[in-house]
Amino acid sequence: MAEEHVYSHAQYRWDMQVLKLMREGRCQDLLDIMPKFIEEALAEVQAGSLNWMLHAMGVPSYPAEIHAYGSVIGTGNAVVEWNPTKPAGAHHG
């Protein structure tokens, strides 16, 4: 595992932009850039599961908590939580 890393720095930068939007509760902005993210980052989200999940949650406008980020088979992967029951300011990540 010590050899595992994100294959492309450009993809990593896209991942960081997406995670930033999630942390800031800007999921509509994330959905707006999703086609470009998929095109430029060869994102695994092109199957639509992230879009579906965000819409199923009502497109959250509250912050996500990023629990982990790392590489699996050369692409960045994150463990992200949206918890609408946490009080404002209790989110961190």
PDB file of N, CA and C in Angstrom:
ATOM      1  N   MET A   1       0.806  -1.199   0.000  1.00  0.00           N
ATOM      2  CA  MET A   1       0.000   0.000   0.000  1.00  0.00           C
ATOM      3  C   MET A   1       0.853   1.270   0.000  1.00  0.00           C
ATOM      4  N   ALA A   2       2.060   1.209   0.454  1.00  0.00           N
ATOM      5  CA  ALA A   2       2.902   2.402   0.476  1.00  0.00           C
ATOM      6  C   ALA A   2       3.155   2.918  -0.937  1.00  0.00           C
ATOM      7  N   GLU A   3       3.031   2.064  -1.932  1.00  0.00           N
ATOM      8  CA  GLU A   3       3.247   2.446  -3.320  1.00  0.00           C
ATOM      9  C   GLU A   3       2.003   3.065  -3.946  1.00  0.00           C
ATOM     10  N   GLU A   4       0.849   2.931  -3.314  1.00  0.00           N
ATOM     11  CA  GLU A   4      -0.415   3.397  -3.878  1.00  0.00           C
ATOM     12  C   GLU A   4      -0.461   4.925  -3.871  1.00  0.00           C
ATOM     13  N   HIS A   5      -0.856   5.499  -5.000  1.00  0.00           N
ATOM     14  CA  HIS A   5      -1.009   6.942  -5.097  1.00  0.00           C
ATOM     15  C   HIS A   5      -1.977   7.269  -6.226  1.00  0.00           C
ATOM     16  N   VAL A   6      -2.502   8.495  -6.197  1.00  0.00           N
ATOM     17  CA  VAL A   6      -3.400   8.938  -7.254  1.00  0.00           C
ATOM     18  C   VAL A   6      -2.584   9.053  -8.533  1.00  0.00           C
ATOM     19  N   TYR A   7      -3.096   8.495  -9.599  1.00  0.00           N
ATOM     20  CA  TYR A   7      -2.387   8.397 -10.873  1.00  0.00           C
ATOM     21  C   TYR A   7      -2.095   9.757 -11.492  1.00  0.00           C
ATOM     22  N   SER A   8      -3.007  10.694 -11.370  1.00  0.00           N
ATOM     23  CA  SER A   8      -2.880  11.971 -12.056  1.00  0.00           C
ATOM     24  C   SER A   8      -3.044  13.124 -11.069  1.00  0.00           C
ATOM     25  N   HIS A   9      -2.098  14.052 -11.104  1.00  0.00           N
ATOM     26  CA  HIS A   9      -2.198  15.213 -10.230  1.00  0.00           C
ATOM     27  C   HIS A   9      -3.418  16.070 -10.606  1.00  0.00           C
ATOM     28  N   ALA A  10      -3.740  16.141 -11.889  1.00  0.00           N
ATOM     29  CA  ALA A  10      -4.921  16.889 -12.336  1.00  0.00           C
ATOM     30  C   ALA A  10      -6.192  16.269 -11.735  1.00  0.00           C
ATOM     31  N   GLN A  11      -6.260  14.943 -11.710  1.00  0.00           N
ATOM     32  CA  GLN A  11      -7.408  14.282 -11.096  1.00  0.00           C
ATOM     33  C   GLN A  11      -7.454  14.571  -9.594  1.00  0.00           C
ATOM     34  N   TYR A  12      -6.300  14.555  -8.950  1.00  0.00           N
ATOM     35  CA  TYR A  12      -6.221  14.864  -7.522  1.00  0.00           C
ATOM     36  C   TYR A  12      -6.750  16.276  -7.254  1.00  0.00           C
ATOM     37  N   ARG A  13      -6.362  17.255  -8.094  1.00  0.00           N
ATOM     38  CA  ARG A  13      -6.841  18.627  -7.918  1.00  0.00           C
ATOM     39  C   ARG A  13      -8.359  18.698  -8.070  1.00  0.00           C
ATOM     40  N   TRP A  14      -8.901  17.942  -9.030  1.00  0.00           N
ATOM     41  CA  TRP A  14     -10.357  17.884  -9.177  1.00  0.00           C
ATOM     42  C   TRP A  14     -10.995  17.294  -7.922  1.00  0.00           C
ATOM     43  N   ASP A  15     -10.417  16.214  -7.410  1.00  0.00           N
ATOM     44  CA  ASP A  15     -10.943  15.602  -6.185  1.00  0.00           C
ATOM     45  C   ASP A  15     -10.972  16.620  -5.041  1.00  0.00           C
ATOM     46  N   MET A  16      -9.903  17.389  -4.909  1.00  0.00           N
ATOM     47  CA  MET A  16      -9.835  18.380  -3.832  1.00  0.00           C
ATOM     48  C   MET A  16     -10.901  19.462  -4.020  1.00  0.00           C
ATOM     49  N   GLN A  17     -11.160  19.859  -5.267  1.00  0.00           N
ATOM     50  CA  GLN A  17     -12.197  20.849  -5.530  1.00  0.00           C
ATOM     51  C   GLN A  17     -13.576  20.295  -5.158  1.00  0.00           C
ATOM     52  N   VAL A  18     -13.835  19.053  -5.531  1.00  0.00           N
ATOM     53  CA  VAL A  18     -15.113  18.409  -5.211  1.00  0.00           C
ATOM     54  C   VAL A  18     -15.280  18.269  -3.701  1.00  0.00           C
ATOM     55  N   LEU A  19     -14.243  17.821  -3.007  1.00  0.00           N
ATOM     56  CA  LEU A  19     -14.328  17.671  -1.551  1.00  0.00           C
ATOM     57  C   LEU A  19     -14.523  19.020  -0.867  1.00  0.00           C
ATOM     58  N   LYS A  20     -13.905  20.062  -1.388  1.00  0.00           N
ATOM     59  CA  LYS A  20     -14.077  21.410  -0.838  1.00  0.00           C
ATOM     60  C   LYS A  20     -15.542  21.838  -0.949  1.00  0.00           C
ATOM     61  N   LEU A  21     -16.145  21.613  -2.118  1.00  0.00           N
ATOM     62  CA  LEU A  21     -17.555  21.969  -2.295  1.00  0.00           C
ATOM     63  C   LEU A  21     -18.429  21.185  -1.316  1.00  0.00           C
ATOM     64  N   MET A  22     -18.122  19.914  -1.129  1.00  0.00           N
ATOM     65  CA  MET A  22     -18.882  19.100  -0.173  1.00  0.00           C
ATOM     66  C   MET A  22     -18.743  19.654   1.233  1.00  0.00           C
ATOM     67  N   ARG A  23     -17.499  19.960   1.638  1.00  0.00           N
ATOM     68  CA  ARG A  23     -17.235  20.502   2.978  1.00  0.00           C
ATOM     69  C   ARG A  23     -17.969  21.813   3.221  1.00  0.00           C
ATOM     70  N   GLU A  24     -18.130  22.595   2.151  1.00  0.00           N
ATOM     71  CA  GLU A  24     -18.772  23.904   2.272  1.00  0.00           C
ATOM     72  C   GLU A  24     -20.286  23.828   2.116  1.00  0.00           C
ATOM     73  N   GLY A  25     -20.818  22.637   1.887  1.00  0.00           N
ATOM     74  CA  GLY A  25     -22.258  22.492   1.719  1.00  0.00           C
ATOM     75  C   GLY A  25     -22.762  23.033   0.390  1.00  0.00           C
ATOM     76  N   ARG A  26     -21.913  23.018  -0.611  1.00  0.00           N
ATOM     77  CA  ARG A  26     -22.241  23.581  -1.927  1.00  0.00           C
ATOM     78  C   ARG A  26     -22.518  22.465  -2.935  1.00  0.00           C
ATOM     79  N   CYS A  27     -23.469  21.621  -2.617  1.00  0.00           N
ATOM     80  CA  CYS A  27     -23.745  20.453  -3.469  1.00  0.00           C
ATOM     81  C   CYS A  27     -24.366  20.818  -4.804  1.00  0.00           C
ATOM     82  N   GLN A  28     -25.155  21.893  -4.870  1.00  0.00           N
ATOM     83  CA  GLN A  28     -25.683  22.308  -6.176  1.00  0.00           C
ATOM     84  C   GLN A  28     -24.540  22.754  -7.083  1.00  0.00           C
ATOM     85  N   ASP A  29     -23.565  23.469  -6.519  1.00  0.00           N
ATOM     86  CA  ASP A  29     -22.387  23.847  -7.309  1.00  0.00           C
ATOM     87  C   ASP A  29     -21.646  22.608  -7.796  1.00  0.00           C
ATOM     88  N   LEU A  30     -21.575  21.597  -6.944  1.00  0.00           N
ATOM     89  CA  LEU A  30     -20.945  20.332  -7.330  1.00  0.00           C
ATOM     90  C   LEU A  30     -21.698  19.704  -8.503  1.00  0.00           C
ATOM     91  N   LEU A  31     -23.015  19.655  -8.410  1.00  0.00           N
ATOM     92  CA  LEU A  31     -23.801  19.092  -9.510  1.00  0.00           C
ATOM     93  C   LEU A  31     -23.607  19.900 -10.791  1.00  0.00           C
ATOM     94  N   ASP A  32     -23.456  21.213 -10.663  1.00  0.00           N
ATOM     95  CA  ASP A  32     -23.265  22.070 -11.830  1.00  0.00           C
ATOM     96  C   ASP A  32     -21.955  21.779 -12.554  1.00  0.00           C
ATOM     97  N   ILE A  33     -20.902  21.436 -11.804  1.00  0.00           N
ATOM     98  CA  ILE A  33     -19.613  21.153 -12.452  1.00  0.00           C
ATOM     99  C   ILE A  33     -19.405  19.664 -12.748  1.00  0.00           C
ATOM    100  N   MET A  34     -20.357  18.828 -12.359  1.00  0.00           N
ATOM    101  CA  MET A  34     -20.189  17.376 -12.511  1.00  0.00           C
ATOM    102  C   MET A  34     -19.832  16.947 -13.942  1.00  0.00           C
ATOM    103  N   PRO A  35     -20.482  17.472 -14.993  1.00  0.00           N
ATOM    104  CA  PRO A  35     -20.100  17.034 -16.341  1.00  0.00           C
ATOM    105  C   PRO A  35     -18.627  17.318 -16.654  1.00  0.00           C
ATOM    106  N   LYS A  36     -18.126  18.473 -16.230  1.00  0.00           N
ATOM    107  CA  LYS A  36     -16.720  18.825 -16.466  1.00  0.00           C
ATOM    108  C   LYS A  36     -15.805  17.928 -15.627  1.00  0.00           C
ATOM    109  N   PHE A  37     -16.201  17.665 -14.388  1.00  0.00           N
ATOM    110  CA  PHE A  37     -15.430  16.772 -13.517  1.00  0.00           C
ATOM    111  C   PHE A  37     -15.307  15.387 -14.154  1.00  0.00           C
ATOM    112  N   ILE A  38     -16.420  14.868 -14.629  1.00  0.00           N
ATOM    113  CA  ILE A  38     -16.418  13.542 -15.258  1.00  0.00           C
ATOM    114  C   ILE A  38     -15.517  13.543 -16.491  1.00  0.00           C
ATOM    115  N   GLU A  39     -15.629  14.583 -17.298  1.00  0.00           N
ATOM    116  CA  GLU A  39     -14.847  14.674 -18.538  1.00  0.00           C
ATOM    117  C   GLU A  39     -13.352  14.800 -18.277  1.00  0.00           C
ATOM    118  N   GLU A  40     -12.986  15.676 -17.358  1.00  0.00           N
ATOM    119  CA  GLU A  40     -11.570  15.987 -17.149  1.00  0.00           C
ATOM    120  C   GLU A  40     -10.870  15.056 -16.176  1.00  0.00           C
ATOM    121  N   ALA A  41     -11.598  14.478 -15.250  1.00  0.00           N
ATOM    122  CA  ALA A  41     -10.947  13.676 -14.217  1.00  0.00           C
ATOM    123  C   ALA A  41     -11.173  12.182 -14.409  1.00  0.00           C
ATOM    124  N   LEU A  42     -11.843  11.802 -15.473  1.00  0.00           N
ATOM    125  CA  LEU A  42     -12.166  10.386 -15.684  1.00  0.00           C
ATOM    126  C   LEU A  42     -12.779   9.811 -14.416  1.00  0.00           C
ATOM    127  N   ALA A  43     -13.689  10.588 -13.857  1.00  0.00           N
ATOM    128  CA  ALA A  43     -14.263  10.274 -12.556  1.00  0.00           C
ATOM    129  C   ALA A  43     -15.090   9.002 -12.594  1.00  0.00           C
ATOM    130  N   GLU A  44     -15.011   8.266 -11.504  1.00  0.00           N
ATOM    131  CA  GLU A  44     -15.799   7.052 -11.355  1.00  0.00           C
ATOM    132  C   GLU A  44     -17.271   7.362 -11.128  1.00  0.00           C
ATOM    133  N   VAL A  45     -17.617   8.628 -10.991  1.00  0.00           N
ATOM    134  CA  VAL A  45     -19.005   9.012 -10.739  1.00  0.00           C
ATOM    135  C   VAL A  45     -19.834   9.085 -12.012  1.00  0.00           C
ATOM    136  N   GLN A  46     -19.231   8.824 -13.156  1.00  0.00           N
ATOM    137  CA  GLN A  46     -19.974   8.958 -14.407  1.00  0.00           C
ATOM    138  C   GLN A  46     -21.175   8.017 -14.478  1.00  0.00           C
ATOM    139  N   ALA A  47     -21.224   6.983 -13.670  1.00  0.00           N
ATOM    140  CA  ALA A  47     -22.382   6.082 -13.644  1.00  0.00           C
ATOM    141  C   ALA A  47     -23.599   6.766 -13.025  1.00  0.00           C
ATOM    142  N   GLY A  48     -23.390   7.871 -12.337  1.00  0.00           N
ATOM    143  CA  GLY A  48     -24.497   8.652 -11.817  1.00  0.00           C
ATOM    144  C   GLY A  48     -24.838   8.433 -10.357  1.00  0.00           C
ATOM    145  N   SER A  49     -24.122   7.549  -9.670  1.00  0.00           N
ATOM    146  CA  SER A  49     -24.501   7.247  -8.290  1.00  0.00           C
ATOM    147  C   SER A  49     -24.363   8.450  -7.352  1.00  0.00           C
ATOM    148  N   LEU A  50     -23.345   9.281  -7.536  1.00  0.00           N
ATOM    149  CA  LEU A  50     -23.204  10.459  -6.675  1.00  0.00           C
ATOM    150  C   LEU A  50     -24.334  11.449  -6.958  1.00  0.00           C
ATOM    151  N   ASN A  51     -24.632  11.672  -8.230  1.00  0.00           N
ATOM    152  CA  ASN A  51     -25.751  12.562  -8.577  1.00  0.00           C
ATOM    153  C   ASN A  51     -27.044  12.053  -7.941  1.00  0.00           C
ATOM    154  N   TRP A  52     -27.302  10.774  -8.087  1.00  0.00           N
ATOM    155  CA  TRP A  52     -28.515  10.175  -7.537  1.00  0.00           C
ATOM    156  C   TRP A  52     -28.565  10.372  -6.030  1.00  0.00           C
ATOM    157  N   MET A  53     -27.455  10.097  -5.348  1.00  0.00           N
ATOM    158  CA  MET A  53     -27.417  10.213  -3.900  1.00  0.00           C
ATOM    159  C   MET A  53     -27.665  11.653  -3.458  1.00  0.00           C
ATOM    160  N   LEU A  54     -27.010  12.616  -4.123  1.00  0.00           N
ATOM    161  CA  LEU A  54     -27.207  14.018  -3.745  1.00  0.00           C
ATOM    162  C   LEU A  54     -28.666  14.435  -3.918  1.00  0.00           C
ATOM    163  N   HIS A  55     -29.281  14.004  -5.003  1.00  0.00           N
ATOM    164  CA  HIS A  55     -30.689  14.336  -5.222  1.00  0.00           C
ATOM    165  C   HIS A  55     -31.590  13.614  -4.217  1.00  0.00           C
ATOM    166  N   ALA A  56     -31.256  12.374  -3.880  1.00  0.00           N
ATOM    167  CA  ALA A  56     -32.051  11.628  -2.893  1.00  0.00           C
ATOM    168  C   ALA A  56     -32.008  12.314  -1.527  1.00  0.00           C
ATOM    169  N   MET A  57     -30.918  13.024  -1.254  1.00  0.00           N
ATOM    170  CA  MET A  57     -30.790  13.760   0.015  1.00  0.00           C
ATOM    171  C   MET A  57     -31.349  15.176  -0.094  1.00  0.00           C
ATOM    172  N   GLY A  58     -31.934  15.514  -1.250  1.00  0.00           N
ATOM    173  CA  GLY A  58     -32.476  16.858  -1.420  1.00  0.00           C
ATOM    174  C   GLY A  58     -31.422  17.900  -1.758  1.00  0.00           C
ATOM    175  N   VAL A  59     -30.293  17.490  -2.323  1.00  0.00           N
ATOM    176  CA  VAL A  59     -29.148  18.352  -2.654  1.00  0.00           C
ATOM    177  C   VAL A  59     -28.772  19.181  -1.419  1.00  0.00           C
ATOM    178  N   PRO A  60     -28.026  18.569  -0.522  1.00  0.00           N
ATOM    179  CA  PRO A  60     -27.692  19.213   0.753  1.00  0.00           C
ATOM    180  C   PRO A  60     -27.024  20.576   0.579  1.00  0.00           C
ATOM    181  N   SER A  61     -27.422  21.489   1.440  1.00  0.00           N
ATOM    182  CA  SER A  61     -26.760  22.798   1.492  1.00  0.00           C
ATOM    183  C   SER A  61     -26.031  22.951   2.820  1.00  0.00           C
ATOM    184  N   TYR A  62     -25.882  21.856   3.530  1.00  0.00           N
ATOM    185  CA  TYR A  62     -25.138  21.847   4.789  1.00  0.00           C
ATOM    186  C   TYR A  62     -23.830  21.083   4.559  1.00  0.00           C
ATOM    187  N   PRO A  63     -22.834  21.349   5.353  1.00  0.00           N
ATOM    188  CA  PRO A  63     -21.509  20.777   5.120  1.00  0.00           C
ATOM    189  C   PRO A  63     -21.451  19.261   5.295  1.00  0.00           C
ATOM    190  N   ALA A  64     -20.600  18.664   4.502  1.00  0.00           N
ATOM    191  CA  ALA A  64     -20.277  17.252   4.651  1.00  0.00           C
ATOM    192  C   ALA A  64     -19.035  17.137   5.537  1.00  0.00           C
ATOM    193  N   GLU A  65     -18.917  16.015   6.185  1.00  0.00           N
ATOM    194  CA  GLU A  65     -17.697  15.704   6.929  1.00  0.00           C
ATOM    195  C   GLU A  65     -16.915  14.696   6.105  1.00  0.00           C
ATOM    196  N   ILE A  66     -15.671  15.021   5.811  1.00  0.00           N
ATOM    197  CA  ILE A  66     -14.795  14.122   5.061  1.00  0.00           C
ATOM    198  C   ILE A  66     -14.029  13.293   6.089  1.00  0.00           C
ATOM    199  N   HIS A  67     -14.325  12.011   6.134  1.00  0.00           N
ATOM    200  CA  HIS A  67     -13.675  11.138   7.119  1.00  0.00           C
ATOM    201  C   HIS A  67     -12.334  10.607   6.625  1.00  0.00           C
ATOM    202  N   ALA A  68     -12.218  10.393   5.325  1.00  0.00           N
ATOM    203  CA  ALA A  68     -10.976   9.831   4.797  1.00  0.00           C
ATOM    204  C   ALA A  68     -10.890  10.110   3.303  1.00  0.00           C
ATOM    205  N   TYR A  69      -9.664  10.178   2.807  1.00  0.00           N
ATOM    206  CA  TYR A  69      -9.403  10.294   1.375  1.00  0.00           C
ATOM    207  C   TYR A  69      -8.127   9.523   1.099  1.00  0.00           C
ATOM    208  N   GLY A  70      -8.140   8.756   0.044  1.00  0.00           N
ATOM    209  CA  GLY A  70      -6.949   8.006  -0.331  1.00  0.00           C
ATOM    210  C   GLY A  70      -7.108   7.448  -1.725  1.00  0.00           C
ATOM    211  N   SER A  71      -6.125   6.720  -2.146  1.00  0.00           N
ATOM    212  CA  SER A  71      -6.103   6.171  -3.497  1.00  0.00           C
ATOM    213  C   SER A  71      -6.444   4.679  -3.489  1.00  0.00           C
ATOM    214  N   VAL A  72      -7.264   4.308  -4.429  1.00  0.00           N
ATOM    215  CA  VAL A  72      -7.558   2.905  -4.687  1.00  0.00           C
ATOM    216  C   VAL A  72      -7.434   2.734  -6.196  1.00  0.00           C
ATOM    217  N   ILE A  73      -6.589   1.856  -6.615  1.00  0.00           N
ATOM    218  CA  ILE A  73      -6.276   1.591  -8.030  1.00  0.00           C
ATOM    219  C   ILE A  73      -6.023   2.873  -8.819  1.00  0.00           C
ATOM    220  N   GLY A  74      -5.336   3.822  -8.212  1.00  0.00           N
ATOM    221  CA  GLY A  74      -4.888   5.010  -8.919  1.00  0.00           C
ATOM    222  C   GLY A  74      -5.869   6.164  -8.961  1.00  0.00           C
ATOM    223  N   THR A  75      -7.059   6.000  -8.404  1.00  0.00           N
ATOM    224  CA  THR A  75      -8.004   7.111  -8.367  1.00  0.00           C
ATOM    225  C   THR A  75      -8.290   7.468  -6.916  1.00  0.00           C
ATOM    226  N   GLY A  76      -8.648   8.727  -6.695  1.00  0.00           N
ATOM    227  CA  GLY A  76      -8.935   9.179  -5.351  1.00  0.00           C
ATOM    228  C   GLY A  76     -10.315   8.726  -4.912  1.00  0.00           C
ATOM    229  N   ASN A  77     -10.414   8.305  -3.680  1.00  0.00           N
ATOM    230  CA  ASN A  77     -11.681   7.857  -3.098  1.00  0.00           C
ATOM    231  C   ASN A  77     -11.827   8.493  -1.726  1.00  0.00           C
ATOM    232  N   ALA A  78     -13.072   8.836  -1.403  1.00  0.00           N
ATOM    233  CA  ALA A  78     -13.325   9.503  -0.126  1.00  0.00           C
ATOM    234  C   ALA A  78     -14.473   8.821   0.609  1.00  0.00           C
ATOM    235  N   VAL A  79     -14.414   8.941   1.926  1.00  0.00           N
ATOM    236  CA  VAL A  79     -15.526   8.540   2.781  1.00  0.00           C
ATOM    237  C   VAL A  79     -16.109   9.851   3.302  1.00  0.00           C
ATOM    238  N   VAL A  80     -17.361  10.116   2.907  1.00  0.00           N
ATOM    239  CA  VAL A  80     -17.995  11.406   3.164  1.00  0.00           C
ATOM    240  C   VAL A  80     -19.319  11.187   3.881  1.00  0.00           C
ATOM    241  N   GLU A  81     -19.614  12.052   4.853  1.00  0.00           N
ATOM    242  CA  GLU A  81     -20.866  11.953   5.601  1.00  0.00           C
ATOM    243  C   GLU A  81     -21.607  13.284   5.544  1.00  0.00           C
ATOM    244  N   TRP A  82     -22.878  13.212   5.199  1.00  0.00           N
ATOM    245  CA  TRP A  82     -23.795  14.346   5.357  1.00  0.00           C
ATOM    246  C   TRP A  82     -24.745  13.951   6.462  1.00  0.00           C
ATOM    247  N   ASN A  83     -24.744  14.694   7.548  1.00  0.00           N
ATOM    248  CA  ASN A  83     -25.615  14.383   8.672  1.00  0.00           C
ATOM    249  C   ASN A  83     -26.442  15.617   9.009  1.00  0.00           C
ATOM    250  N   PRO A  84     -27.703  15.637   8.555  1.00  0.00           N
ATOM    251  CA  PRO A  84     -28.521  16.828   8.786  1.00  0.00           C
ATOM    252  C   PRO A  84     -28.892  17.044  10.241  1.00  0.00           C
ATOM    253  N   THR A  85     -28.645  16.066  11.096  1.00  0.00           N
ATOM    254  CA  THR A  85     -29.018  16.212  12.508  1.00  0.00           C
ATOM    255  C   THR A  85     -27.917  16.833  13.349  1.00  0.00           C
ATOM    256  N   LYS A  86     -26.724  17.007  12.788  1.00  0.00           N
ATOM    257  CA  LYS A  86     -25.659  17.657  13.553  1.00  0.00           C
ATOM    258  C   LYS A  86     -25.952  19.148  13.625  1.00  0.00           C
ATOM    259  N   PRO A  87     -25.766  19.756  14.777  1.00  0.00           N
ATOM    260  CA  PRO A  87     -25.996  21.192  14.903  1.00  0.00           C
ATOM    261  C   PRO A  87     -25.004  21.978  14.034  1.00  0.00           C
ATOM    262  N   ALA A  88     -25.418  23.154  13.605  1.00  0.00           N
ATOM    263  CA  ALA A  88     -24.541  24.030  12.821  1.00  0.00           C
ATOM    264  C   ALA A  88     -23.241  24.242  13.572  1.00  0.00           C
ATOM    265  N   GLY A  89     -22.137  24.180  12.860  1.00  0.00           N
ATOM    266  CA  GLY A  89     -20.826  24.345  13.475  1.00  0.00           C
ATOM    267  C   GLY A  89     -20.234  23.055  14.019  1.00  0.00           C
ATOM    268  N   ALA A  90     -21.019  21.999  14.111  1.00  0.00           N
ATOM    269  CA  ALA A  90     -20.509  20.731  14.641  1.00  0.00           C
ATOM    270  C   ALA A  90     -19.799  19.929  13.559  1.00  0.00           C
ATOM    271  N   HIS A  91     -20.000  20.286  12.303  1.00  0.00           N
ATOM    272  CA  HIS A  91     -19.335  19.584  11.198  1.00  0.00           C
ATOM    273  C   HIS A  91     -17.875  20.030  11.161  1.00  0.00           C
ATOM    274  N   HIS A  92     -17.029  19.102  10.899  1.00  0.00           N
ATOM    275  CA  HIS A  92     -15.609  19.383  10.717  1.00  0.00           C
ATOM    276  C   HIS A  92     -15.069  18.348   9.764  1.00  0.00           C
ATOM    277  N   GLY A  93     -13.966  18.626   9.124  1.00  0.00           N
ATOM    278  CA  GLY A  93     -13.426  17.659   8.186  1.00  0.00           C
ATOM    279  C   GLY A  93     -12.416  18.183   7.325  1.00  0.00           C
TER     280      GLY A  93
END
